[in-house]
């Protein structure tokens, strides 16, 4: 391994596993191991984290992982293919069976534009071959990556490939990332108008920025982060739906329950009951 790759490997830090977005997190943890790793400092503007899933279900039934996606573009590798997934607006299900591994990259919201400079709404709810954006990601690259047995070595190889692309950030990309992070962290931003006022721009300009760099509308991002929080709170044992609805910015409990069921596929009470 070259000195530059060794330095990169030292910089990679494992990120504490977060349950947010994973439905039925305790049962999920029994069926697969998810590890997340932070990017090296020079790639922080572009990469949210690397995620690697290992599972061994030999002699056991298959398991379908259910996920509420974040507003991120993802790159993933399996033994069969390498592909890019745009923002997925519905629940994402993936069946795990036998033994295997998936190596993935979550790009920061808005930042995939640095690697593929096209409007992100063209990728929403779609996939495309990874080689469309990353010319070095051919079959030999994928085979070599998945033959590695150490997660951090996998991440190191990915980082070398990203650096070879010489990604460049721009002000609009940085602004899109900043706004999404603000929505995720500030529950007071409960409407498009509130976000536009916070960042001193018109609703129209804000929506255009999101369609170009993120791939979905501002309202969708707000709702998805609030439903992430709701699912996590339910998994932690909370069941006062009226209070949860108000705290997440819903005008009434019924509206909250409709949104939750539409995305999760179960009402809040049924989801809680299934968890128990």
C-alpha atoms as a PDB file:
ATOM      1  CA  UNK A   1       0.000   0.000   0.000  1.00  0.00           C
ATOM      2  CA  UNK A   2       1.352   3.455  -0.931  1.00  0.00           C
ATOM      3  CA  UNK A   3       2.088   6.094   1.717  1.00  0.00           C
ATOM      4  CA  UNK A   4      -0.895   8.199   0.578  1.00  0.00           C
ATOM      5  CA  UNK A   5      -3.239   5.224   0.968  1.00  0.00           C
ATOM      6  CA  UNK A   6      -1.776   4.432   4.395  1.00  0.00           C
ATOM      7  CA  UNK A   7      -2.446   8.002   5.533  1.00  0.00           C
ATOM      8  CA  UNK A   8      -5.982   7.794   4.174  1.00  0.00           C
ATOM      9  CA  UNK A   9      -6.604   4.534   6.050  1.00  0.00           C
ATOM     10  CA  UNK A  10      -5.458   6.135   9.310  1.00  0.00           C
ATOM     11  CA  UNK A  11      -7.871   9.039   8.791  1.00  0.00           C
ATOM     12  CA  UNK A  12     -10.909   6.792   8.358  1.00  0.00           C
ATOM     13  CA  UNK A  13     -12.908   6.647  11.560  1.00  0.00           C
ATOM     14  CA  UNK A  14     -15.807   4.354  12.288  1.00  0.00           C
ATOM     15  CA  UNK A  15     -19.048   6.180  12.918  1.00  0.00           C
ATOM     16  CA  UNK A  16     -21.323   5.067  15.735  1.00  0.00           C
ATOM     17  CA  UNK A  17     -24.136   3.059  14.199  1.00  0.00           C
ATOM     18  CA  UNK A  18     -27.283   5.146  13.960  1.00  0.00           C
ATOM     19  CA  UNK A  19     -30.671   3.497  13.902  1.00  0.00           C
ATOM     20  CA  UNK A  20     -32.492   6.433  12.328  1.00  0.00           C
ATOM     21  CA  UNK A  21     -34.055   5.371   9.057  1.00  0.00           C
ATOM     22  CA  UNK A  22     -33.841   1.628   9.778  1.00  0.00           C
ATOM     23  CA  UNK A  23     -37.265   0.251  10.575  1.00  0.00           C
ATOM     24  CA  UNK A  24     -37.472  -2.377  13.328  1.00  0.00           C
ATOM     25  CA  UNK A  25     -33.846  -1.655  14.299  1.00  0.00           C
ATOM     26  CA  UNK A  26     -33.479  -4.289  17.022  1.00  0.00           C
ATOM     27  CA  UNK A  27     -34.630  -7.108  14.750  1.00  0.00           C
ATOM     28  CA  UNK A  28     -32.469  -5.728  11.945  1.00  0.00           C
ATOM     29  CA  UNK A  29     -29.390  -5.894  14.174  1.00  0.00           C
ATOM     30  CA  UNK A  30     -30.012  -9.625  14.685  1.00  0.00           C
ATOM     31  CA  UNK A  31     -29.890 -10.274  10.944  1.00  0.00           C
ATOM     32  CA  UNK A  32     -27.061  -8.081   9.662  1.00  0.00           C
ATOM     33  CA  UNK A  33     -24.138  -5.994  10.806  1.00  0.00           C
ATOM     34  CA  UNK A  34     -24.064  -2.389   9.622  1.00  0.00           C
ATOM     35  CA  UNK A  35     -20.908  -0.325  10.013  1.00  0.00           C
ATOM     36  CA  UNK A  36     -20.522   3.295   8.968  1.00  0.00           C
ATOM     37  CA  UNK A  37     -17.247   5.121   8.425  1.00  0.00           C
ATOM     38  CA  UNK A  38     -16.491   8.808   8.180  1.00  0.00           C
ATOM     39  CA  UNK A  39     -14.596  10.130   5.128  1.00  0.00           C
ATOM     40  CA  UNK A  40     -11.092  11.527   5.218  1.00  0.00           C
ATOM     41  CA  UNK A  41     -10.979  15.334   5.722  1.00  0.00           C
ATOM     42  CA  UNK A  42     -10.465  16.195   2.052  1.00  0.00           C
ATOM     43  CA  UNK A  43     -13.616  14.267   1.080  1.00  0.00           C
ATOM     44  CA  UNK A  44     -15.855  15.586   3.874  1.00  0.00           C
ATOM     45  CA  UNK A  45     -17.511  18.156   1.542  1.00  0.00           C
ATOM     46  CA  UNK A  46     -18.737  15.328  -0.674  1.00  0.00           C
ATOM     47  CA  UNK A  47     -19.237  12.157   1.408  1.00  0.00           C
ATOM     48  CA  UNK A  48     -21.738  11.756   4.252  1.00  0.00           C
ATOM     49  CA  UNK A  49     -20.363   8.346   5.223  1.00  0.00           C
ATOM     50  CA  UNK A  50     -19.441   4.938   3.904  1.00  0.00           C
ATOM     51  CA  UNK A  51     -21.714   2.071   4.903  1.00  0.00           C
ATOM     52  CA  UNK A  52     -20.895  -1.626   4.807  1.00  0.00           C
ATOM     53  CA  UNK A  53     -23.368  -4.404   5.538  1.00  0.00           C
ATOM     54  CA  UNK A  54     -22.307  -7.966   6.333  1.00  0.00           C
ATOM     55  CA  UNK A  55     -24.745 -10.824   6.872  1.00  0.00           C
ATOM     56  CA  UNK A  56     -24.658 -14.580   7.317  1.00  0.00           C
ATOM     57  CA  UNK A  57     -28.111 -16.162   7.154  1.00  0.00           C
ATOM     58  CA  UNK A  58     -27.025 -19.602   5.973  1.00  0.00           C
ATOM     59  CA  UNK A  59     -29.548 -22.138   7.223  1.00  0.00           C
ATOM     60  CA  UNK A  60     -31.944 -19.338   8.212  1.00  0.00           C
ATOM     61  CA  UNK A  61     -34.890 -17.655   6.483  1.00  0.00           C
ATOM     62  CA  UNK A  62     -34.140 -14.620   4.328  1.00  0.00           C
ATOM     63  CA  UNK A  63     -34.606 -11.200   5.909  1.00  0.00           C
ATOM     64  CA  UNK A  64     -36.069  -8.105   4.254  1.00  0.00           C
ATOM     65  CA  UNK A  65     -34.512  -4.908   5.540  1.00  0.00           C
ATOM     66  CA  UNK A  66     -36.883  -1.918   5.507  1.00  0.00           C
ATOM     67  CA  UNK A  67     -35.375   1.561   5.347  1.00  0.00           C
ATOM     68  CA  UNK A  68     -36.730   5.101   5.237  1.00  0.00           C
ATOM     69  CA  UNK A  69     -34.207   6.690   2.866  1.00  0.00           C
ATOM     70  CA  UNK A  70     -32.473   9.981   3.524  1.00  0.00           C
ATOM     71  CA  UNK A  71     -32.158  12.735   0.871  1.00  0.00           C
ATOM     72  CA  UNK A  72     -28.848  11.302  -0.310  1.00  0.00           C
ATOM     73  CA  UNK A  73     -27.588   9.757  -3.528  1.00  0.00           C
ATOM     74  CA  UNK A  74     -25.964   6.357  -2.853  1.00  0.00           C
ATOM     75  CA  UNK A  75     -23.338   4.275  -4.627  1.00  0.00           C
ATOM     76  CA  UNK A  76     -23.374   0.542  -3.834  1.00  0.00           C
ATOM     77  CA  UNK A  77     -21.402  -2.577  -4.708  1.00  0.00           C
ATOM     78  CA  UNK A  78     -22.436  -6.232  -4.505  1.00  0.00           C
ATOM     79  CA  UNK A  79     -21.009  -9.358  -6.116  1.00  0.00           C
ATOM     80  CA  UNK A  80     -23.447  -8.844  -9.003  1.00  0.00           C
ATOM     81  CA  UNK A  81     -23.227  -5.143  -9.811  1.00  0.00           C
ATOM     82  CA  UNK A  82     -22.239  -1.582  -8.934  1.00  0.00           C
ATOM     83  CA  UNK A  83     -24.972   1.023  -9.155  1.00  0.00           C
ATOM     84  CA  UNK A  84     -26.057   4.498  -8.151  1.00  0.00           C
ATOM     85  CA  UNK A  85     -29.432   5.098  -6.541  1.00  0.00           C
ATOM     86  CA  UNK A  86     -31.102   8.488  -6.648  1.00  0.00           C
ATOM     87  CA  UNK A  87     -33.154   9.724  -3.734  1.00  0.00           C
ATOM     88  CA  UNK A  88     -35.861   7.137  -3.097  1.00  0.00           C
ATOM     89  CA  UNK A  89     -39.161   8.748  -2.179  1.00  0.00           C
ATOM     90  CA  UNK A  90     -40.823   5.611  -0.761  1.00  0.00           C
ATOM     91  CA  UNK A  91     -39.672   3.023   1.740  1.00  0.00           C
ATOM     92  CA  UNK A  92     -36.735   1.011   0.436  1.00  0.00           C
ATOM     93  CA  UNK A  93     -36.759  -2.781   0.918  1.00  0.00           C
ATOM     94  CA  UNK A  94     -33.814  -5.094   0.334  1.00  0.00           C
ATOM     95  CA  UNK A  95     -33.866  -8.868   0.779  1.00  0.00           C
ATOM     96  CA  UNK A  96     -30.850 -10.471   2.445  1.00  0.00           C
ATOM     97  CA  UNK A  97     -30.287 -14.203   2.102  1.00  0.00           C
ATOM     98  CA  UNK A  98     -27.415 -16.624   2.393  1.00  0.00           C
ATOM     99  CA  UNK A  99     -24.145 -14.852   3.124  1.00  0.00           C
ATOM    100  CA  UNK A 100     -22.952 -11.605   1.615  1.00  0.00           C
ATOM    101  CA  UNK A 101     -21.727  -8.040   1.795  1.00  0.00           C
ATOM    102  CA  UNK A 102     -22.799  -4.696   0.390  1.00  0.00           C
ATOM    103  CA  UNK A 103     -20.326  -1.822   0.248  1.00  0.00           C
ATOM    104  CA  UNK A 104     -21.946   1.578  -0.045  1.00  0.00           C
ATOM    105  CA  UNK A 105     -21.344   5.312  -0.109  1.00  0.00           C
ATOM    106  CA  UNK A 106     -23.850   7.960   0.945  1.00  0.00           C
ATOM    107  CA  UNK A 107     -22.995  11.276  -0.680  1.00  0.00           C
ATOM    108  CA  UNK A 108     -23.883  14.439   1.176  1.00  0.00           C
ATOM    109  CA  UNK A 109     -27.188  15.923   0.081  1.00  0.00           C
ATOM    110  CA  UNK A 110     -26.421  18.055  -2.948  1.00  0.00           C
ATOM    111  CA  UNK A 111     -22.817  16.881  -3.269  1.00  0.00           C
ATOM    112  CA  UNK A 112     -23.173  14.123  -5.867  1.00  0.00           C
ATOM    113  CA  UNK A 113     -23.344  17.005  -8.372  1.00  0.00           C
ATOM    114  CA  UNK A 114     -19.542  17.283  -8.028  1.00  0.00           C
ATOM    115  CA  UNK A 115     -19.193  13.828  -9.625  1.00  0.00           C
ATOM    116  CA  UNK A 116     -22.183  13.870 -11.982  1.00  0.00           C
ATOM    117  CA  UNK A 117     -23.126  17.468 -12.958  1.00  0.00           C
ATOM    118  CA  UNK A 118     -26.727  16.918 -14.002  1.00  0.00           C
ATOM    119  CA  UNK A 119     -30.036  17.871 -12.321  1.00  0.00           C
ATOM    120  CA  UNK A 120     -30.522  15.377  -9.487  1.00  0.00           C
ATOM    121  CA  UNK A 121     -34.292  15.168  -9.992  1.00  0.00           C
ATOM    122  CA  UNK A 122     -33.493  13.131 -13.105  1.00  0.00           C
ATOM    123  CA  UNK A 123     -32.223  10.379 -10.789  1.00  0.00           C
ATOM    124  CA  UNK A 124     -35.040  10.444  -8.247  1.00  0.00           C
ATOM    125  CA  UNK A 125     -36.530   6.962  -7.741  1.00  0.00           C
ATOM    126  CA  UNK A 126     -34.144   5.625 -10.382  1.00  0.00           C
ATOM    127  CA  UNK A 127     -30.854   3.774 -10.582  1.00  0.00           C
ATOM    128  CA  UNK A 128     -28.015   3.851 -13.077  1.00  0.00           C
ATOM    129  CA  UNK A 129     -24.773   1.881 -13.525  1.00  0.00           C
ATOM    130  CA  UNK A 130     -21.965   3.283 -11.402  1.00  0.00           C
ATOM    131  CA  UNK A 131     -19.682   3.475 -14.422  1.00  0.00           C
ATOM    132  CA  UNK A 132     -21.883   6.277 -15.814  1.00  0.00           C
ATOM    133  CA  UNK A 133     -20.372   8.598 -13.208  1.00  0.00           C
ATOM    134  CA  UNK A 134     -17.174   6.776 -12.221  1.00  0.00           C
ATOM    135  CA  UNK A 135     -15.232   5.475 -15.221  1.00  0.00           C
ATOM    136  CA  UNK A 136     -12.839   3.464 -13.046  1.00  0.00           C
ATOM    137  CA  UNK A 137     -15.675   1.464 -11.481  1.00  0.00           C
ATOM    138  CA  UNK A 138     -15.604  -1.447 -13.884  1.00  0.00           C
ATOM    139  CA  UNK A 139     -15.963  -5.157 -13.066  1.00  0.00           C
ATOM    140  CA  UNK A 140     -12.264  -5.640 -12.140  1.00  0.00           C
ATOM    141  CA  UNK A 141     -12.511  -2.723  -9.668  1.00  0.00           C
ATOM    142  CA  UNK A 142     -15.640  -4.243  -8.086  1.00  0.00           C
ATOM    143  CA  UNK A 143     -14.105  -7.725  -7.859  1.00  0.00           C
ATOM    144  CA  UNK A 144     -10.965  -6.332  -6.226  1.00  0.00           C
ATOM    145  CA  UNK A 145     -12.991  -4.237  -3.786  1.00  0.00           C
ATOM    146  CA  UNK A 146     -15.205  -7.081  -2.631  1.00  0.00           C
ATOM    147  CA  UNK A 147     -12.291  -9.493  -2.241  1.00  0.00           C
ATOM    148  CA  UNK A 148     -10.942  -7.284   0.555  1.00  0.00           C
ATOM    149  CA  UNK A 149     -11.747  -8.590   4.034  1.00  0.00           C
ATOM    150  CA  UNK A 150     -11.154  -5.408   6.010  1.00  0.00           C
ATOM    151  CA  UNK A 151     -13.788  -2.661   5.898  1.00  0.00           C
ATOM    152  CA  UNK A 152     -11.278   0.157   6.167  1.00  0.00           C
ATOM    153  CA  UNK A 153      -9.272  -1.199   3.253  1.00  0.00           C
ATOM    154  CA  UNK A 154     -12.472  -1.109   1.203  1.00  0.00           C
ATOM    155  CA  UNK A 155     -13.040   2.514   2.178  1.00  0.00           C
ATOM    156  CA  UNK A 156      -9.433   3.373   1.355  1.00  0.00           C
ATOM    157  CA  UNK A 157      -9.846   1.984  -2.165  1.00  0.00           C
ATOM    158  CA  UNK A 158     -13.044   3.967  -2.654  1.00  0.00           C
ATOM    159  CA  UNK A 159     -11.401   7.163  -1.478  1.00  0.00           C
ATOM    160  CA  UNK A 160      -8.532   6.721  -3.929  1.00  0.00           C
ATOM    161  CA  UNK A 161     -11.085   6.323  -6.718  1.00  0.00           C
ATOM    162  CA  UNK A 162     -12.977   9.474  -5.663  1.00  0.00           C
ATOM    163  CA  UNK A 163      -9.788  11.529  -5.501  1.00  0.00           C
ATOM    164  CA  UNK A 164      -8.942  10.436  -9.040  1.00  0.00           C
ATOM    165  CA  UNK A 165     -12.162  12.180 -10.139  1.00  0.00           C
ATOM    166  CA  UNK A 166     -10.857  15.532  -8.779  1.00  0.00           C
ATOM    167  CA  UNK A 167     -14.281  16.635  -7.491  1.00  0.00           C
ATOM    168  CA  UNK A 168     -14.883  20.368  -7.209  1.00  0.00           C
ATOM    169  CA  UNK A 169     -17.367  21.985  -4.854  1.00  0.00           C
ATOM    170  CA  UNK A 170     -19.322  25.119  -5.762  1.00  0.00           C
ATOM    171  CA  UNK A 171     -21.302  27.649  -3.758  1.00  0.00           C
ATOM    172  CA  UNK A 172     -24.728  26.359  -4.752  1.00  0.00           C
ATOM    173  CA  UNK A 173     -23.769  22.786  -3.914  1.00  0.00           C
ATOM    174  CA  UNK A 174     -22.464  23.897  -0.523  1.00  0.00           C
ATOM    175  CA  UNK A 175     -25.645  25.887   0.094  1.00  0.00           C
ATOM    176  CA  UNK A 176     -27.880  22.915  -0.731  1.00  0.00           C
ATOM    177  CA  UNK A 177     -25.920  20.730   1.705  1.00  0.00           C
ATOM    178  CA  UNK A 178     -26.091  23.406   4.395  1.00  0.00           C
ATOM    179  CA  UNK A 179     -29.856  23.803   4.051  1.00  0.00           C
ATOM    180  CA  UNK A 180     -30.522  20.050   4.239  1.00  0.00           C
ATOM    181  CA  UNK A 181     -28.348  19.801   7.353  1.00  0.00           C
ATOM    182  CA  UNK A 182     -30.273  22.704   8.907  1.00  0.00           C
ATOM    183  CA  UNK A 183     -33.617  20.987   8.229  1.00  0.00           C
ATOM    184  CA  UNK A 184     -32.309  17.776   9.779  1.00  0.00           C
ATOM    185  CA  UNK A 185     -31.110  19.482  12.940  1.00  0.00           C
ATOM    186  CA  UNK A 186     -33.722  22.193  13.549  1.00  0.00           C
ATOM    187  CA  UNK A 187     -37.310  21.046  14.126  1.00  0.00           C
ATOM    188  CA  UNK A 188     -38.449  24.691  13.912  1.00  0.00           C
ATOM    189  CA  UNK A 189     -37.955  24.531  10.146  1.00  0.00           C
ATOM    190  CA  UNK A 190     -41.344  22.984   9.465  1.00  0.00           C
ATOM    191  CA  UNK A 191     -42.332  24.628   6.174  1.00  0.00           C
ATOM    192  CA  UNK A 192     -40.850  25.698   2.852  1.00  0.00           C
ATOM    193  CA  UNK A 193     -41.494  29.306   3.782  1.00  0.00           C
ATOM    194  CA  UNK A 194     -39.605  28.973   7.068  1.00  0.00           C
ATOM    195  CA  UNK A 195     -36.590  27.510   5.282  1.00  0.00           C
ATOM    196  CA  UNK A 196     -36.678  30.194   2.569  1.00  0.00           C
ATOM    197  CA  UNK A 197     -36.818  32.948   5.192  1.00  0.00           C
ATOM    198  CA  UNK A 198     -33.954  31.410   7.180  1.00  0.00           C
ATOM    199  CA  UNK A 199     -31.707  31.420   4.124  1.00  0.00           C
ATOM    200  CA  UNK A 200     -33.025  34.690   2.683  1.00  0.00           C
ATOM    201  CA  UNK A 201     -34.230  33.461  -0.687  1.00  0.00           C
ATOM    202  CA  UNK A 202     -37.523  33.107  -2.489  1.00  0.00           C
ATOM    203  CA  UNK A 203     -39.536  29.877  -2.328  1.00  0.00           C
ATOM    204  CA  UNK A 204     -39.022  29.453  -6.070  1.00  0.00           C
ATOM    205  CA  UNK A 205     -35.234  29.833  -5.889  1.00  0.00           C
ATOM    206  CA  UNK A 206     -35.107  27.381  -2.973  1.00  0.00           C
ATOM    207  CA  UNK A 207     -37.177  24.771  -4.804  1.00  0.00           C
ATOM    208  CA  UNK A 208     -35.036  25.089  -7.956  1.00  0.00           C
ATOM    209  CA  UNK A 209     -31.880  24.642  -5.878  1.00  0.00           C
ATOM    210  CA  UNK A 210     -33.277  21.445  -4.347  1.00  0.00           C
ATOM    211  CA  UNK A 211     -34.490  19.963  -7.623  1.00  0.00           C
ATOM    212  CA  UNK A 212     -31.084  20.583  -9.210  1.00  0.00           C
ATOM    213  CA  UNK A 213     -28.747  19.550  -6.385  1.00  0.00           C
ATOM    214  CA  UNK A 214     -30.796  17.319  -4.042  1.00  0.00           C
ATOM    215  CA  UNK A 215     -33.376  15.736  -6.346  1.00  0.00           C
ATOM    216  CA  UNK A 216     -36.531  16.237  -4.288  1.00  0.00           C
ATOM    217  CA  UNK A 217     -38.566  19.154  -2.985  1.00  0.00           C
ATOM    218  CA  UNK A 218     -38.017  20.964   0.292  1.00  0.00           C
ATOM    219  CA  UNK A 219     -41.331  19.771   1.745  1.00  0.00           C
ATOM    220  CA  UNK A 220     -40.373  16.140   1.099  1.00  0.00           C
ATOM    221  CA  UNK A 221     -37.066  16.611   2.932  1.00  0.00           C
ATOM    222  CA  UNK A 222     -38.797  18.221   5.910  1.00  0.00           C
ATOM    223  CA  UNK A 223     -41.394  15.443   6.143  1.00  0.00           C
ATOM    224  CA  UNK A 224     -38.859  12.657   5.718  1.00  0.00           C
ATOM    225  CA  UNK A 225     -36.615  13.872   8.528  1.00  0.00           C
ATOM    226  CA  UNK A 226     -39.615  14.282  10.831  1.00  0.00           C
ATOM    227  CA  UNK A 227     -40.830  10.754  10.021  1.00  0.00           C
ATOM    228  CA  UNK A 228     -37.326   9.426  10.695  1.00  0.00           C
ATOM    229  CA  UNK A 229     -37.546  10.969  14.130  1.00  0.00           C
ATOM    230  CA  UNK A 230     -41.059   9.641  14.682  1.00  0.00           C
ATOM    231  CA  UNK A 231     -40.065   6.072  13.780  1.00  0.00           C
ATOM    232  CA  UNK A 232     -37.059   6.287  16.068  1.00  0.00           C
ATOM    233  CA  UNK A 233     -39.139   7.601  18.961  1.00  0.00           C
ATOM    234  CA  UNK A 234     -41.708   4.850  18.494  1.00  0.00           C
ATOM    235  CA  UNK A 235     -38.911   2.265  18.459  1.00  0.00           C
ATOM    236  CA  UNK A 236     -37.702   3.778  21.740  1.00  0.00           C
ATOM    237  CA  UNK A 237     -41.102   3.181  23.330  1.00  0.00           C
ATOM    238  CA  UNK A 238     -42.944   6.492  22.896  1.00  0.00           C
ATOM    239  CA  UNK A 239     -46.644   6.171  22.069  1.00  0.00           C
ATOM    240  CA  UNK A 240     -48.254   9.565  22.686  1.00  0.00           C
ATOM    241  CA  UNK A 241     -49.021  10.165  19.020  1.00  0.00           C
ATOM    242  CA  UNK A 242     -50.742  13.506  19.566  1.00  0.00           C
ATOM    243  CA  UNK A 243     -47.697  14.953  21.342  1.00  0.00           C
ATOM    244  CA  UNK A 244     -45.310  13.509  18.785  1.00  0.00           C
ATOM    245  CA  UNK A 245     -47.385  14.966  15.933  1.00  0.00           C
ATOM    246  CA  UNK A 246     -47.374  18.468  17.435  1.00  0.00           C
ATOM    247  CA  UNK A 247     -43.645  18.392  18.206  1.00  0.00           C
ATOM    248  CA  UNK A 248     -42.889  17.366  14.636  1.00  0.00           C
ATOM    249  CA  UNK A 249     -44.907  20.222  13.177  1.00  0.00           C
ATOM    250  CA  UNK A 250     -48.170  18.476  12.241  1.00  0.00           C
ATOM    251  CA  UNK A 251     -51.428  20.335  12.709  1.00  0.00           C
ATOM    252  CA  UNK A 252     -53.207  17.219  13.959  1.00  0.00           C
ATOM    253  CA  UNK A 253     -52.617  13.592  14.854  1.00  0.00           C
ATOM    254  CA  UNK A 254     -54.628  12.264  11.896  1.00  0.00           C
ATOM    255  CA  UNK A 255     -52.389  14.043   9.372  1.00  0.00           C
ATOM    256  CA  UNK A 256     -49.297  12.633  11.066  1.00  0.00           C
ATOM    257  CA  UNK A 257     -50.754   9.111  11.081  1.00  0.00           C
ATOM    258  CA  UNK A 258     -51.619   9.324   7.364  1.00  0.00           C
ATOM    259  CA  UNK A 259     -48.097  10.419   6.404  1.00  0.00           C
ATOM    260  CA  UNK A 260     -46.543   7.756   8.623  1.00  0.00           C
ATOM    261  CA  UNK A 261     -48.663   4.953   7.159  1.00  0.00           C
ATOM    262  CA  UNK A 262     -48.112   6.159   3.584  1.00  0.00           C
ATOM    263  CA  UNK A 263     -44.335   5.916   3.912  1.00  0.00           C
ATOM    264  CA  UNK A 264     -43.808   3.169   6.498  1.00  0.00           C
ATOM    265  CA  UNK A 265     -46.698   0.988   5.315  1.00  0.00           C
ATOM    266  CA  UNK A 266     -48.163   0.652   8.806  1.00  0.00           C
ATOM    267  CA  UNK A 267     -49.921   3.023  11.169  1.00  0.00           C
ATOM    268  CA  UNK A 268     -47.899   4.276  14.161  1.00  0.00           C
ATOM    269  CA  UNK A 269     -49.831   1.974  16.515  1.00  0.00           C
ATOM    270  CA  UNK A 270     -49.361  -1.067  14.266  1.00  0.00           C
ATOM    271  CA  UNK A 271     -45.659  -0.281  13.845  1.00  0.00           C
ATOM    272  CA  UNK A 272     -45.258  -0.040  17.622  1.00  0.00           C
ATOM    273  CA  UNK A 273     -47.197  -3.264  18.141  1.00  0.00           C
ATOM    274  CA  UNK A 274     -45.042  -5.138  15.607  1.00  0.00           C
ATOM    275  CA  UNK A 275     -41.888  -3.897  17.334  1.00  0.00           C
ATOM    276  CA  UNK A 276     -43.091  -5.302  20.647  1.00  0.00           C
END
